[in-house]
Amino acid sequence: MKQIPLAAARRETTGKGAARQMRAAGKIPAVVYSAGKPAENLMVEAREVDRLLRQSGGGSAFLSLSVADEPARLAMLQEMQFDYLGKKVIHIDFHQIKADEEISVEAPIELVGEAKGAAEGGLINQNLYSVLLRGRIADIPDAVVVDISGLDLGDNIHSTDLTLPQNVAMVSEESVLVVACVAPNTGGDSGAEEEGGEAEEE
């Protein structure tokens, strides 16, 4: 899964007053958490946070987090707090992870190809849009690609049919419908009404 580069700086001050001053200066207070280590107080340029939001789509994101002149570290965007209007980011929490650490990530499902059944008037109904995967960050794909070109009318693909990279697994073993090629509704009820009318005439 791709990593978004993000630069941060350490901050010595904490509290609401200091946070307001930082935001007024175009910086967003942040904290990075790491297992077995004290939390670190950081600050990030507001424009960098805006870029992060655009590139992550507002969802989960993995970062190459640079702090001062230290080597970049692998981190996950854990939480963003917004103002009361829900427009401006006022605080960020990061979680530092290890390269060999297994984590659970929601990955989007991307359909590719033109289903054979679509040429016969079939409709593509997607039921599942993401799947929870577990593995190392380097092994987890940005998206689970599903080729639907082989789908005929009446065919479907379930989550247990998905092809995943080596060392990556779905968290749930339950088989869930991902996508199906179904026949369009041709208004079959009208035929039943016609049959009923003929019966009455007899």
N, C-alpha and C. Protein backbone atom coordinates (compact mmCIF):
# COMPACT_ATOMS: atom_id res chain seq x y z
N MET A 1 0.85 -1.20 0.00
CA MET A 1 0.00 0.00 0.00
C MET A 1 0.88 1.24 0.00
N LYS A 2 0.49 2.23 -0.80
CA LYS A 2 1.34 3.41 -0.96
C LYS A 2 1.45 4.20 0.34
N GLN A 3 2.57 4.90 0.47
CA GLN A 3 2.82 5.74 1.64
C GLN A 3 2.91 7.20 1.20
N ILE A 4 2.18 8.04 1.89
CA ILE A 4 2.16 9.46 1.57
C ILE A 4 3.24 10.16 2.41
N PRO A 5 4.18 10.87 1.79
CA PRO A 5 5.20 11.58 2.57
C PRO A 5 4.59 12.76 3.32
N LEU A 6 5.00 12.92 4.57
CA LEU A 6 4.50 14.04 5.38
C LEU A 6 5.60 14.50 6.33
N ALA A 7 5.83 15.79 6.35
CA ALA A 7 6.85 16.37 7.23
C ALA A 7 6.19 16.95 8.47
N ALA A 8 6.82 16.78 9.60
CA ALA A 8 6.31 17.32 10.86
C ALA A 8 7.49 17.87 11.68
N ALA A 9 7.16 18.65 12.69
CA ALA A 9 8.18 19.20 13.59
C ALA A 9 7.74 18.96 15.02
N ARG A 10 8.71 18.91 15.90
CA ARG A 10 8.38 18.73 17.31
C ARG A 10 7.86 20.04 17.90
N ARG A 11 7.01 19.90 18.91
CA ARG A 11 6.52 21.08 19.63
C ARG A 11 6.72 20.86 21.12
N GLU A 12 7.09 21.93 21.79
CA GLU A 12 7.35 21.84 23.23
C GLU A 12 6.14 22.25 24.04
N THR A 13 5.24 23.02 23.45
CA THR A 13 4.10 23.54 24.20
C THR A 13 2.86 22.67 23.96
N THR A 14 2.03 22.56 24.99
CA THR A 14 0.78 21.82 24.89
C THR A 14 -0.33 22.66 25.52
N GLY A 15 -1.56 22.17 25.41
CA GLY A 15 -2.69 22.89 25.99
C GLY A 15 -3.49 23.63 24.93
N LYS A 16 -4.69 24.07 25.32
CA LYS A 16 -5.60 24.71 24.38
C LYS A 16 -5.06 26.04 23.86
N GLY A 17 -4.47 26.83 24.76
CA GLY A 17 -3.94 28.13 24.34
C GLY A 17 -2.84 27.98 23.32
N ALA A 18 -1.91 27.05 23.58
CA ALA A 18 -0.81 26.83 22.65
C ALA A 18 -1.33 26.29 21.32
N ALA A 19 -2.35 25.43 21.38
CA ALA A 19 -2.92 24.87 20.16
C ALA A 19 -3.57 25.96 19.31
N ARG A 20 -4.26 26.90 19.97
CA ARG A 20 -4.88 28.01 19.23
C ARG A 20 -3.83 28.87 18.54
N GLN A 21 -2.73 29.12 19.25
CA GLN A 21 -1.64 29.92 18.67
C GLN A 21 -1.02 29.22 17.46
N MET A 22 -0.87 27.91 17.58
CA MET A 22 -0.30 27.14 16.46
C MET A 22 -1.21 27.21 15.23
N ARG A 23 -2.50 27.00 15.46
CA ARG A 23 -3.44 27.03 14.34
C ARG A 23 -3.50 28.41 13.70
N ALA A 24 -3.38 29.45 14.53
CA ALA A 24 -3.38 30.82 14.00
C ALA A 24 -2.14 31.06 13.14
N ALA A 25 -1.07 30.33 13.42
CA ALA A 25 0.17 30.46 12.66
C ALA A 25 0.22 29.49 11.48
N GLY A 26 -0.89 28.80 11.21
CA GLY A 26 -0.94 27.89 10.06
C GLY A 26 -0.37 26.53 10.33
N LYS A 27 -0.37 26.10 11.60
CA LYS A 27 0.15 24.79 11.97
C LYS A 27 -0.91 24.01 12.75
N ILE A 28 -0.91 22.69 12.59
CA ILE A 28 -1.90 21.83 13.25
C ILE A 28 -1.19 20.96 14.28
N PRO A 29 -1.61 21.01 15.55
CA PRO A 29 -1.00 20.14 16.56
C PRO A 29 -1.31 18.67 16.28
N ALA A 30 -0.34 17.81 16.58
CA ALA A 30 -0.50 16.39 16.32
C ALA A 30 0.23 15.60 17.39
N VAL A 31 -0.14 14.33 17.51
CA VAL A 31 0.52 13.41 18.45
C VAL A 31 0.78 12.11 17.69
N VAL A 32 1.96 11.53 17.87
CA VAL A 32 2.25 10.22 17.29
C VAL A 32 2.43 9.23 18.44
N TYR A 33 1.69 8.13 18.36
CA TYR A 33 1.73 7.08 19.38
C TYR A 33 2.52 5.90 18.85
N SER A 34 3.26 5.25 19.72
CA SER A 34 4.05 4.09 19.35
C SER A 34 4.08 3.12 20.53
N ALA A 35 3.92 1.84 20.23
CA ALA A 35 3.87 0.83 21.29
C ALA A 35 5.15 0.84 22.12
N GLY A 36 4.98 0.93 23.44
CA GLY A 36 6.12 0.88 24.35
C GLY A 36 6.92 2.16 24.45
N LYS A 37 6.43 3.24 23.81
CA LYS A 37 7.14 4.52 23.87
C LYS A 37 6.19 5.63 24.26
N PRO A 38 6.71 6.69 24.89
CA PRO A 38 5.85 7.82 25.21
C PRO A 38 5.33 8.50 23.94
N ALA A 39 4.15 9.07 24.03
CA ALA A 39 3.59 9.81 22.90
C ALA A 39 4.45 11.03 22.59
N GLU A 40 4.58 11.36 21.30
CA GLU A 40 5.38 12.52 20.88
C GLU A 40 4.45 13.63 20.41
N ASN A 41 4.71 14.85 20.88
CA ASN A 41 3.92 16.01 20.45
C ASN A 41 4.58 16.63 19.21
N LEU A 42 3.78 16.74 18.14
CA LEU A 42 4.28 17.26 16.88
C LEU A 42 3.38 18.38 16.38
N MET A 43 3.81 19.03 15.32
CA MET A 43 2.95 19.98 14.61
C MET A 43 3.22 19.84 13.12
N VAL A 44 2.16 20.04 12.33
CA VAL A 44 2.23 19.86 10.88
C VAL A 44 1.68 21.12 10.21
N GLU A 45 2.32 21.54 9.13
CA GLU A 45 1.83 22.70 8.39
C GLU A 45 0.41 22.41 7.89
N ALA A 46 -0.48 23.40 8.03
CA ALA A 46 -1.88 23.22 7.62
C ALA A 46 -1.99 22.86 6.14
N ARG A 47 -1.15 23.44 5.31
CA ARG A 47 -1.21 23.14 3.87
C ARG A 47 -0.82 21.69 3.59
N GLU A 48 0.07 21.14 4.43
CA GLU A 48 0.44 19.74 4.29
C GLU A 48 -0.72 18.83 4.70
N VAL A 49 -1.47 19.27 5.69
CA VAL A 49 -2.65 18.50 6.11
C VAL A 49 -3.72 18.51 5.02
N ASP A 50 -3.88 19.65 4.36
CA ASP A 50 -4.83 19.74 3.24
C ASP A 50 -4.42 18.78 2.12
N ARG A 51 -3.14 18.71 1.84
CA ARG A 51 -2.63 17.80 0.81
C ARG A 51 -2.89 16.35 1.23
N LEU A 52 -2.66 16.06 2.50
CA LEU A 52 -2.89 14.71 3.02
C LEU A 52 -4.36 14.32 2.86
N LEU A 53 -5.26 15.23 3.13
CA LEU A 53 -6.69 14.96 2.98
C LEU A 53 -7.03 14.66 1.52
N ARG A 54 -6.46 15.42 0.61
CA ARG A 54 -6.74 15.20 -0.81
C ARG A 54 -6.22 13.85 -1.28
N GLN A 55 -5.01 13.51 -0.87
CA GLN A 55 -4.40 12.28 -1.35
C GLN A 55 -4.98 11.03 -0.69
N SER A 56 -5.46 11.16 0.51
CA SER A 56 -6.02 10.01 1.23
C SER A 56 -7.52 9.86 0.99
N GLY A 57 -8.14 10.92 0.41
CA GLY A 57 -9.58 10.87 0.23
C GLY A 57 -10.34 10.96 1.54
N GLY A 58 -9.65 11.41 2.59
CA GLY A 58 -10.31 11.55 3.89
C GLY A 58 -10.42 10.24 4.66
N GLY A 59 -9.87 9.15 4.10
CA GLY A 59 -9.95 7.86 4.76
C GLY A 59 -8.63 7.47 5.39
N SER A 60 -8.44 6.15 5.57
CA SER A 60 -7.21 5.65 6.16
C SER A 60 -6.04 5.97 5.23
N ALA A 61 -4.90 6.28 5.83
CA ALA A 61 -3.72 6.60 5.03
C ALA A 61 -2.48 6.13 5.76
N PHE A 62 -1.50 5.70 4.98
CA PHE A 62 -0.21 5.31 5.53
C PHE A 62 0.81 6.36 5.11
N LEU A 63 1.68 6.70 6.05
CA LEU A 63 2.56 7.84 5.86
C LEU A 63 4.02 7.46 6.01
N SER A 64 4.85 8.18 5.26
CA SER A 64 6.27 8.21 5.52
C SER A 64 6.50 9.51 6.27
N LEU A 65 6.53 9.41 7.59
CA LEU A 65 6.52 10.59 8.45
C LEU A 65 7.94 11.03 8.79
N SER A 66 8.28 12.23 8.37
CA SER A 66 9.61 12.78 8.65
C SER A 66 9.51 13.81 9.76
N VAL A 67 10.34 13.65 10.80
CA VAL A 67 10.38 14.58 11.92
C VAL A 67 11.79 15.13 12.03
N ALA A 68 11.91 16.43 11.79
CA ALA A 68 13.22 17.10 11.82
C ALA A 68 14.19 16.39 10.88
N ASP A 69 15.40 16.10 11.34
CA ASP A 69 16.39 15.47 10.47
C ASP A 69 16.51 13.97 10.72
N GLU A 70 15.50 13.39 11.39
CA GLU A 70 15.52 11.96 11.68
C GLU A 70 15.08 11.17 10.44
N PRO A 71 15.46 9.87 10.38
CA PRO A 71 14.98 9.03 9.27
C PRO A 71 13.45 8.95 9.29
N ALA A 72 12.86 8.89 8.11
CA ALA A 72 11.40 8.81 8.03
C ALA A 72 10.90 7.53 8.70
N ARG A 73 9.77 7.63 9.33
CA ARG A 73 9.17 6.48 10.00
C ARG A 73 7.82 6.15 9.37
N LEU A 74 7.44 4.89 9.46
CA LEU A 74 6.17 4.43 8.92
C LEU A 74 5.07 4.68 9.94
N ALA A 75 4.01 5.35 9.52
CA ALA A 75 2.93 5.67 10.46
C ALA A 75 1.58 5.57 9.75
N MET A 76 0.55 5.46 10.55
CA MET A 76 -0.81 5.39 10.04
C MET A 76 -1.61 6.57 10.58
N LEU A 77 -2.40 7.16 9.72
CA LEU A 77 -3.31 8.22 10.16
C LEU A 77 -4.41 7.58 10.99
N GLN A 78 -4.41 7.88 12.28
CA GLN A 78 -5.34 7.21 13.19
C GLN A 78 -6.63 7.99 13.36
N GLU A 79 -6.52 9.30 13.55
CA GLU A 79 -7.73 10.11 13.77
C GLU A 79 -7.45 11.58 13.45
N MET A 80 -8.46 12.21 12.87
CA MET A 80 -8.43 13.66 12.65
C MET A 80 -9.61 14.28 13.38
N GLN A 81 -9.34 15.34 14.13
CA GLN A 81 -10.41 16.07 14.80
C GLN A 81 -10.67 17.37 14.01
N PHE A 82 -11.96 17.67 13.82
CA PHE A 82 -12.35 18.85 13.06
C PHE A 82 -13.03 19.87 13.98
N ASP A 83 -13.11 21.10 13.51
CA ASP A 83 -13.80 22.13 14.28
C ASP A 83 -15.30 21.86 14.29
N TYR A 84 -16.06 22.68 15.00
CA TYR A 84 -17.49 22.42 15.19
C TYR A 84 -18.27 22.48 13.89
N LEU A 85 -17.69 23.12 12.87
CA LEU A 85 -18.34 23.17 11.56
C LEU A 85 -17.98 21.96 10.70
N GLY A 86 -17.00 21.19 11.17
CA GLY A 86 -16.58 20.00 10.43
C GLY A 86 -15.78 20.31 9.19
N LYS A 87 -15.17 21.49 9.13
CA LYS A 87 -14.45 21.90 7.93
C LYS A 87 -12.93 21.94 8.11
N LYS A 88 -12.48 22.44 9.27
CA LYS A 88 -11.05 22.61 9.48
C LYS A 88 -10.51 21.57 10.46
N VAL A 89 -9.36 20.99 10.11
CA VAL A 89 -8.70 20.04 11.00
C VAL A 89 -8.06 20.82 12.15
N ILE A 90 -8.30 20.37 13.38
CA ILE A 90 -7.73 21.06 14.53
C ILE A 90 -6.74 20.19 15.31
N HIS A 91 -6.73 18.87 15.02
CA HIS A 91 -5.78 17.99 15.72
C HIS A 91 -5.68 16.67 14.96
N ILE A 92 -4.50 16.07 14.99
CA ILE A 92 -4.27 14.79 14.30
C ILE A 92 -3.58 13.81 15.24
N ASP A 93 -4.00 12.55 15.18
CA ASP A 93 -3.32 11.46 15.88
C ASP A 93 -2.72 10.51 14.85
N PHE A 94 -1.44 10.20 15.02
CA PHE A 94 -0.77 9.21 14.19
C PHE A 94 -0.41 7.99 15.03
N HIS A 95 -0.30 6.85 14.38
CA HIS A 95 0.15 5.64 15.07
C HIS A 95 1.34 5.09 14.31
N GLN A 96 2.50 5.05 14.97
CA GLN A 96 3.70 4.54 14.31
C GLN A 96 3.64 3.01 14.26
N ILE A 97 4.00 2.45 13.10
CA ILE A 97 3.98 1.00 12.95
C ILE A 97 5.34 0.53 12.42
N LYS A 98 5.60 -0.76 12.61
CA LYS A 98 6.85 -1.35 12.13
C LYS A 98 6.62 -1.97 10.75
N ALA A 99 7.67 -2.01 9.96
CA ALA A 99 7.55 -2.53 8.60
C ALA A 99 7.11 -3.99 8.59
N ASP A 100 7.53 -4.76 9.62
CA ASP A 100 7.18 -6.19 9.65
C ASP A 100 5.94 -6.47 10.51
N GLU A 101 5.26 -5.41 10.93
CA GLU A 101 4.07 -5.56 11.77
C GLU A 101 2.84 -5.84 10.91
N GLU A 102 2.03 -6.81 11.33
CA GLU A 102 0.79 -7.10 10.61
C GLU A 102 -0.31 -6.17 11.12
N ILE A 103 -1.01 -5.56 10.19
CA ILE A 103 -2.08 -4.64 10.54
C ILE A 103 -3.33 -4.97 9.72
N SER A 104 -4.46 -4.46 10.15
CA SER A 104 -5.72 -4.64 9.43
C SER A 104 -6.09 -3.34 8.74
N VAL A 105 -6.40 -3.43 7.45
CA VAL A 105 -6.68 -2.25 6.64
C VAL A 105 -7.89 -2.50 5.75
N GLU A 106 -8.75 -1.49 5.64
CA GLU A 106 -9.89 -1.56 4.72
C GLU A 106 -9.42 -1.15 3.33
N ALA A 107 -9.45 -2.08 2.38
CA ALA A 107 -9.01 -1.80 1.01
C ALA A 107 -10.22 -1.75 0.08
N PRO A 108 -10.26 -0.77 -0.83
CA PRO A 108 -11.40 -0.68 -1.76
C PRO A 108 -11.37 -1.80 -2.79
N ILE A 109 -12.53 -2.14 -3.31
CA ILE A 109 -12.65 -3.13 -4.39
C ILE A 109 -12.84 -2.38 -5.69
N GLU A 110 -12.02 -2.70 -6.68
CA GLU A 110 -12.08 -2.02 -7.98
C GLU A 110 -12.46 -3.03 -9.06
N LEU A 111 -13.58 -2.79 -9.73
CA LEU A 111 -14.03 -3.66 -10.81
C LEU A 111 -13.38 -3.23 -12.12
N VAL A 112 -12.88 -4.21 -12.89
CA VAL A 112 -12.29 -3.91 -14.20
C VAL A 112 -12.87 -4.87 -15.22
N GLY A 113 -12.89 -4.45 -16.48
CA GLY A 113 -13.38 -5.29 -17.56
C GLY A 113 -14.85 -5.08 -17.86
N GLU A 114 -15.28 -5.62 -18.98
CA GLU A 114 -16.68 -5.53 -19.42
C GLU A 114 -17.28 -6.93 -19.36
N ALA A 115 -18.28 -7.12 -18.52
CA ALA A 115 -18.88 -8.44 -18.35
C ALA A 115 -19.52 -8.92 -19.64
N LYS A 116 -19.33 -10.23 -19.96
CA LYS A 116 -19.95 -10.80 -21.15
C LYS A 116 -21.46 -10.68 -21.10
N GLY A 117 -22.02 -10.84 -19.91
CA GLY A 117 -23.47 -10.76 -19.76
C GLY A 117 -24.02 -9.38 -20.03
N ALA A 118 -23.18 -8.34 -19.91
CA ALA A 118 -23.65 -6.98 -20.16
C ALA A 118 -24.01 -6.79 -21.62
N ALA A 119 -23.31 -7.52 -22.52
CA ALA A 119 -23.61 -7.43 -23.94
C ALA A 119 -24.97 -8.04 -24.27
N GLU A 120 -25.48 -8.86 -23.35
CA GLU A 120 -26.79 -9.49 -23.53
C GLU A 120 -27.88 -8.74 -22.75
N GLY A 121 -27.54 -7.54 -22.30
CA GLY A 121 -28.50 -6.74 -21.57
C GLY A 121 -28.44 -6.88 -20.07
N GLY A 122 -27.46 -7.64 -19.58
CA GLY A 122 -27.33 -7.84 -18.13
C GLY A 122 -26.87 -6.58 -17.41
N LEU A 123 -27.22 -6.49 -16.15
CA LEU A 123 -26.82 -5.35 -15.32
C LEU A 123 -25.80 -5.81 -14.29
N ILE A 124 -24.81 -4.95 -14.03
CA ILE A 124 -23.78 -5.26 -13.04
C ILE A 124 -24.19 -4.65 -11.71
N ASN A 125 -24.43 -5.50 -10.73
CA ASN A 125 -24.80 -5.06 -9.39
C ASN A 125 -23.63 -5.31 -8.44
N GLN A 126 -23.00 -4.23 -7.96
CA GLN A 126 -21.91 -4.38 -6.99
C GLN A 126 -22.49 -4.26 -5.59
N ASN A 127 -22.22 -5.28 -4.79
CA ASN A 127 -22.78 -5.34 -3.45
C ASN A 127 -21.75 -4.98 -2.37
N LEU A 128 -20.47 -5.23 -2.64
CA LEU A 128 -19.40 -5.00 -1.66
C LEU A 128 -18.38 -4.06 -2.27
N TYR A 129 -18.04 -2.99 -1.56
CA TYR A 129 -17.16 -1.97 -2.12
C TYR A 129 -15.79 -1.92 -1.44
N SER A 130 -15.61 -2.63 -0.36
CA SER A 130 -14.30 -2.70 0.29
C SER A 130 -14.23 -3.98 1.11
N VAL A 131 -13.02 -4.36 1.46
CA VAL A 131 -12.81 -5.58 2.23
C VAL A 131 -11.69 -5.33 3.24
N LEU A 132 -11.84 -5.90 4.43
CA LEU A 132 -10.84 -5.72 5.48
C LEU A 132 -9.75 -6.77 5.31
N LEU A 133 -8.52 -6.28 5.10
CA LEU A 133 -7.38 -7.16 4.87
C LEU A 133 -6.40 -7.09 6.04
N ARG A 134 -5.61 -8.17 6.19
CA ARG A 134 -4.59 -8.18 7.22
C ARG A 134 -3.27 -8.63 6.61
N GLY A 135 -2.21 -7.90 6.93
CA GLY A 135 -0.89 -8.23 6.42
C GLY A 135 0.08 -7.10 6.73
N ARG A 136 1.25 -7.19 6.16
CA ARG A 136 2.23 -6.11 6.31
C ARG A 136 1.93 -5.01 5.31
N ILE A 137 2.25 -3.80 5.67
CA ILE A 137 1.91 -2.65 4.84
C ILE A 137 2.48 -2.78 3.43
N ALA A 138 3.68 -3.37 3.31
CA ALA A 138 4.30 -3.50 1.99
C ALA A 138 3.57 -4.51 1.11
N ASP A 139 2.81 -5.42 1.72
CA ASP A 139 2.14 -6.47 0.96
C ASP A 139 0.68 -6.14 0.65
N ILE A 140 0.07 -5.27 1.44
CA ILE A 140 -1.36 -4.96 1.26
C ILE A 140 -1.54 -4.07 0.03
N PRO A 141 -2.41 -4.44 -0.90
CA PRO A 141 -2.60 -3.63 -2.11
C PRO A 141 -3.40 -2.36 -1.85
N ASP A 142 -3.22 -1.37 -2.72
CA ASP A 142 -4.01 -0.14 -2.60
C ASP A 142 -5.48 -0.42 -2.88
N ALA A 143 -5.74 -1.42 -3.72
CA ALA A 143 -7.12 -1.81 -4.04
C ALA A 143 -7.12 -3.28 -4.43
N VAL A 144 -8.24 -3.95 -4.18
CA VAL A 144 -8.42 -5.34 -4.63
C VAL A 144 -9.10 -5.29 -5.99
N VAL A 145 -8.37 -5.67 -7.03
CA VAL A 145 -8.88 -5.59 -8.40
C VAL A 145 -9.65 -6.86 -8.75
N VAL A 146 -10.88 -6.68 -9.22
CA VAL A 146 -11.73 -7.81 -9.58
C VAL A 146 -12.07 -7.73 -11.06
N ASP A 147 -11.64 -8.72 -11.83
CA ASP A 147 -11.91 -8.76 -13.27
C ASP A 147 -13.29 -9.41 -13.50
N ILE A 148 -14.21 -8.62 -14.04
CA ILE A 148 -15.58 -9.13 -14.24
C ILE A 148 -15.85 -9.49 -15.70
N SER A 149 -14.80 -9.50 -16.54
CA SER A 149 -15.02 -9.75 -17.97
C SER A 149 -15.59 -11.13 -18.25
N GLY A 150 -15.39 -12.08 -17.33
CA GLY A 150 -15.90 -13.43 -17.56
C GLY A 150 -17.31 -13.67 -17.05
N LEU A 151 -17.95 -12.64 -16.50
CA LEU A 151 -19.28 -12.82 -15.92
C LEU A 151 -20.35 -12.92 -17.00
N ASP A 152 -21.09 -14.03 -16.98
CA ASP A 152 -22.26 -14.20 -17.84
C ASP A 152 -23.50 -13.83 -17.03
N LEU A 153 -24.63 -13.77 -17.69
CA LEU A 153 -25.90 -13.54 -16.98
C LEU A 153 -26.09 -14.60 -15.91
N GLY A 154 -26.38 -14.16 -14.71
CA GLY A 154 -26.59 -15.09 -13.61
C GLY A 154 -25.34 -15.44 -12.83
N ASP A 155 -24.17 -15.03 -13.33
CA ASP A 155 -22.91 -15.30 -12.63
C ASP A 155 -22.68 -14.28 -11.51
N ASN A 156 -21.89 -14.68 -10.52
CA ASN A 156 -21.54 -13.76 -9.44
C ASN A 156 -20.16 -14.08 -8.90
N ILE A 157 -19.62 -13.15 -8.15
CA ILE A 157 -18.32 -13.31 -7.50
C ILE A 157 -18.49 -12.99 -6.03
N HIS A 158 -17.98 -13.87 -5.16
CA HIS A 158 -18.05 -13.67 -3.72
C HIS A 158 -16.67 -13.30 -3.17
N SER A 159 -16.65 -12.83 -1.95
CA SER A 159 -15.39 -12.40 -1.33
C SER A 159 -14.39 -13.54 -1.24
N THR A 160 -14.88 -14.77 -1.10
CA THR A 160 -13.97 -15.92 -1.02
C THR A 160 -13.35 -16.25 -2.38
N ASP A 161 -13.85 -15.62 -3.45
CA ASP A 161 -13.29 -15.84 -4.79
C ASP A 161 -12.17 -14.85 -5.11
N LEU A 162 -11.98 -13.84 -4.27
CA LEU A 162 -11.01 -12.79 -4.57
C LEU A 162 -9.58 -13.31 -4.52
N THR A 163 -8.77 -12.81 -5.43
CA THR A 163 -7.35 -13.16 -5.46
C THR A 163 -6.55 -12.10 -4.72
N LEU A 164 -5.83 -12.52 -3.69
CA LEU A 164 -5.05 -11.59 -2.87
C LEU A 164 -3.57 -11.88 -3.00
N PRO A 165 -2.74 -10.87 -2.75
CA PRO A 165 -1.28 -11.09 -2.79
C PRO A 165 -0.85 -12.09 -1.72
N GLN A 166 0.32 -12.65 -1.92
CA GLN A 166 0.88 -13.56 -0.93
C GLN A 166 1.06 -12.84 0.40
N ASN A 167 0.81 -13.52 1.49
CA ASN A 167 0.96 -13.01 2.85
C ASN A 167 -0.11 -11.99 3.23
N VAL A 168 -1.17 -11.90 2.44
CA VAL A 168 -2.30 -11.03 2.77
C VAL A 168 -3.55 -11.89 2.84
N ALA A 169 -4.37 -11.67 3.87
CA ALA A 169 -5.59 -12.46 4.05
C ALA A 169 -6.75 -11.55 4.44
N MET A 170 -7.95 -12.03 4.16
CA MET A 170 -9.14 -11.31 4.62
C MET A 170 -9.36 -11.60 6.10
N VAL A 171 -9.77 -10.57 6.82
CA VAL A 171 -10.00 -10.74 8.26
C VAL A 171 -11.20 -11.66 8.49
N SER A 172 -12.25 -11.49 7.69
CA SER A 172 -13.44 -12.32 7.83
C SER A 172 -13.40 -13.48 6.84
N GLU A 173 -13.76 -14.67 7.32
CA GLU A 173 -13.81 -15.84 6.45
C GLU A 173 -15.20 -16.03 5.85
N GLU A 174 -16.12 -15.16 6.21
CA GLU A 174 -17.49 -15.25 5.69
C GLU A 174 -17.51 -14.93 4.20
N SER A 175 -18.28 -15.70 3.44
CA SER A 175 -18.41 -15.46 2.00
C SER A 175 -19.52 -14.44 1.75
N VAL A 176 -19.13 -13.29 1.20
CA VAL A 176 -20.08 -12.19 0.96
C VAL A 176 -20.13 -11.91 -0.54
N LEU A 177 -21.31 -11.66 -1.07
CA LEU A 177 -21.46 -11.33 -2.48
C LEU A 177 -20.75 -10.01 -2.79
N VAL A 178 -19.87 -10.04 -3.79
CA VAL A 178 -19.18 -8.84 -4.22
C VAL A 178 -19.90 -8.19 -5.39
N VAL A 179 -20.13 -8.97 -6.43
CA VAL A 179 -20.75 -8.43 -7.65
C VAL A 179 -21.49 -9.54 -8.38
N ALA A 180 -22.56 -9.17 -9.09
CA ALA A 180 -23.34 -10.14 -9.86
C ALA A 180 -23.78 -9.51 -11.16
N CYS A 181 -23.95 -10.35 -12.18
CA CYS A 181 -24.50 -9.92 -13.47
C CYS A 181 -25.93 -10.46 -13.53
N VAL A 182 -26.89 -9.57 -13.46
CA VAL A 182 -28.28 -9.98 -13.35
C VAL A 182 -29.08 -9.51 -14.57
N ALA A 183 -30.15 -10.24 -14.84
CA ALA A 183 -31.03 -9.86 -15.94
C ALA A 183 -31.85 -8.65 -15.52
N PRO A 184 -32.11 -7.74 -16.45
CA PRO A 184 -32.92 -6.57 -16.10
C PRO A 184 -34.35 -6.97 -15.81
N ASN A 185 -35.01 -6.17 -15.01
CA ASN A 185 -36.42 -6.41 -14.70
C ASN A 185 -37.25 -6.05 -15.93
N THR A 186 -37.87 -7.05 -16.52
CA THR A 186 -38.63 -6.83 -17.76
C THR A 186 -40.12 -6.64 -17.51
N GLY A 187 -40.48 -6.45 -16.24
CA GLY A 187 -41.90 -6.24 -15.92
C GLY A 187 -42.70 -7.51 -16.04
N GLY A 188 -42.17 -8.59 -15.46
CA GLY A 188 -42.84 -9.89 -15.54
C GLY A 188 -44.22 -9.90 -14.93
N ASP A 189 -44.51 -8.94 -14.03
CA ASP A 189 -45.82 -8.94 -13.39
C ASP A 189 -46.94 -8.71 -14.40
N SER A 190 -46.63 -7.97 -15.48
CA SER A 190 -47.67 -7.66 -16.45
C SER A 190 -48.16 -8.93 -17.13
N GLY A 191 -47.26 -9.91 -17.32
CA GLY A 191 -47.67 -11.17 -17.92
C GLY A 191 -48.65 -11.90 -17.04
N ALA A 192 -48.41 -11.83 -15.72
CA ALA A 192 -49.31 -12.50 -14.79
C ALA A 192 -50.68 -11.86 -14.83
N GLU A 193 -50.70 -10.51 -14.98
CA GLU A 193 -51.99 -9.83 -15.04
C GLU A 193 -52.76 -10.24 -16.29
N GLU A 194 -52.01 -10.40 -17.45
CA GLU A 194 -52.66 -10.78 -18.68
C GLU A 194 -53.27 -12.17 -18.57
N GLU A 195 -52.51 -13.09 -17.91
CA GLU A 195 -53.03 -14.44 -17.74
C GLU A 195 -54.28 -14.43 -16.90
N GLY A 196 -54.28 -13.57 -15.86
CA GLY A 196 -55.45 -13.47 -15.00
C GLY A 196 -56.65 -12.97 -15.77
N GLY A 197 -56.40 -12.00 -16.69
CA GLY A 197 -57.50 -11.45 -17.49
C GLY A 197 -58.08 -12.49 -18.41
N GLU A 198 -57.20 -13.34 -19.02
CA GLU A 198 -57.69 -14.37 -19.92
C GLU A 198 -58.52 -15.39 -19.16
N ALA A 199 -58.12 -15.70 -17.93
CA ALA A 199 -58.86 -16.67 -17.14
C ALA A 199 -60.26 -16.16 -16.85
N GLU A 200 -60.35 -14.84 -16.61
CA GLU A 200 -61.66 -14.28 -16.30
C GLU A 200 -62.57 -14.35 -17.52
N GLU A 201 -61.98 -14.13 -18.74
CA GLU A 201 -62.78 -14.16 -19.96
C GLU A 201 -63.33 -15.55 -20.23
N GLU A 202 -62.50 -16.58 -19.89
CA GLU A 202 -62.98 -17.94 -20.07
C GLU A 202 -64.13 -18.22 -19.11
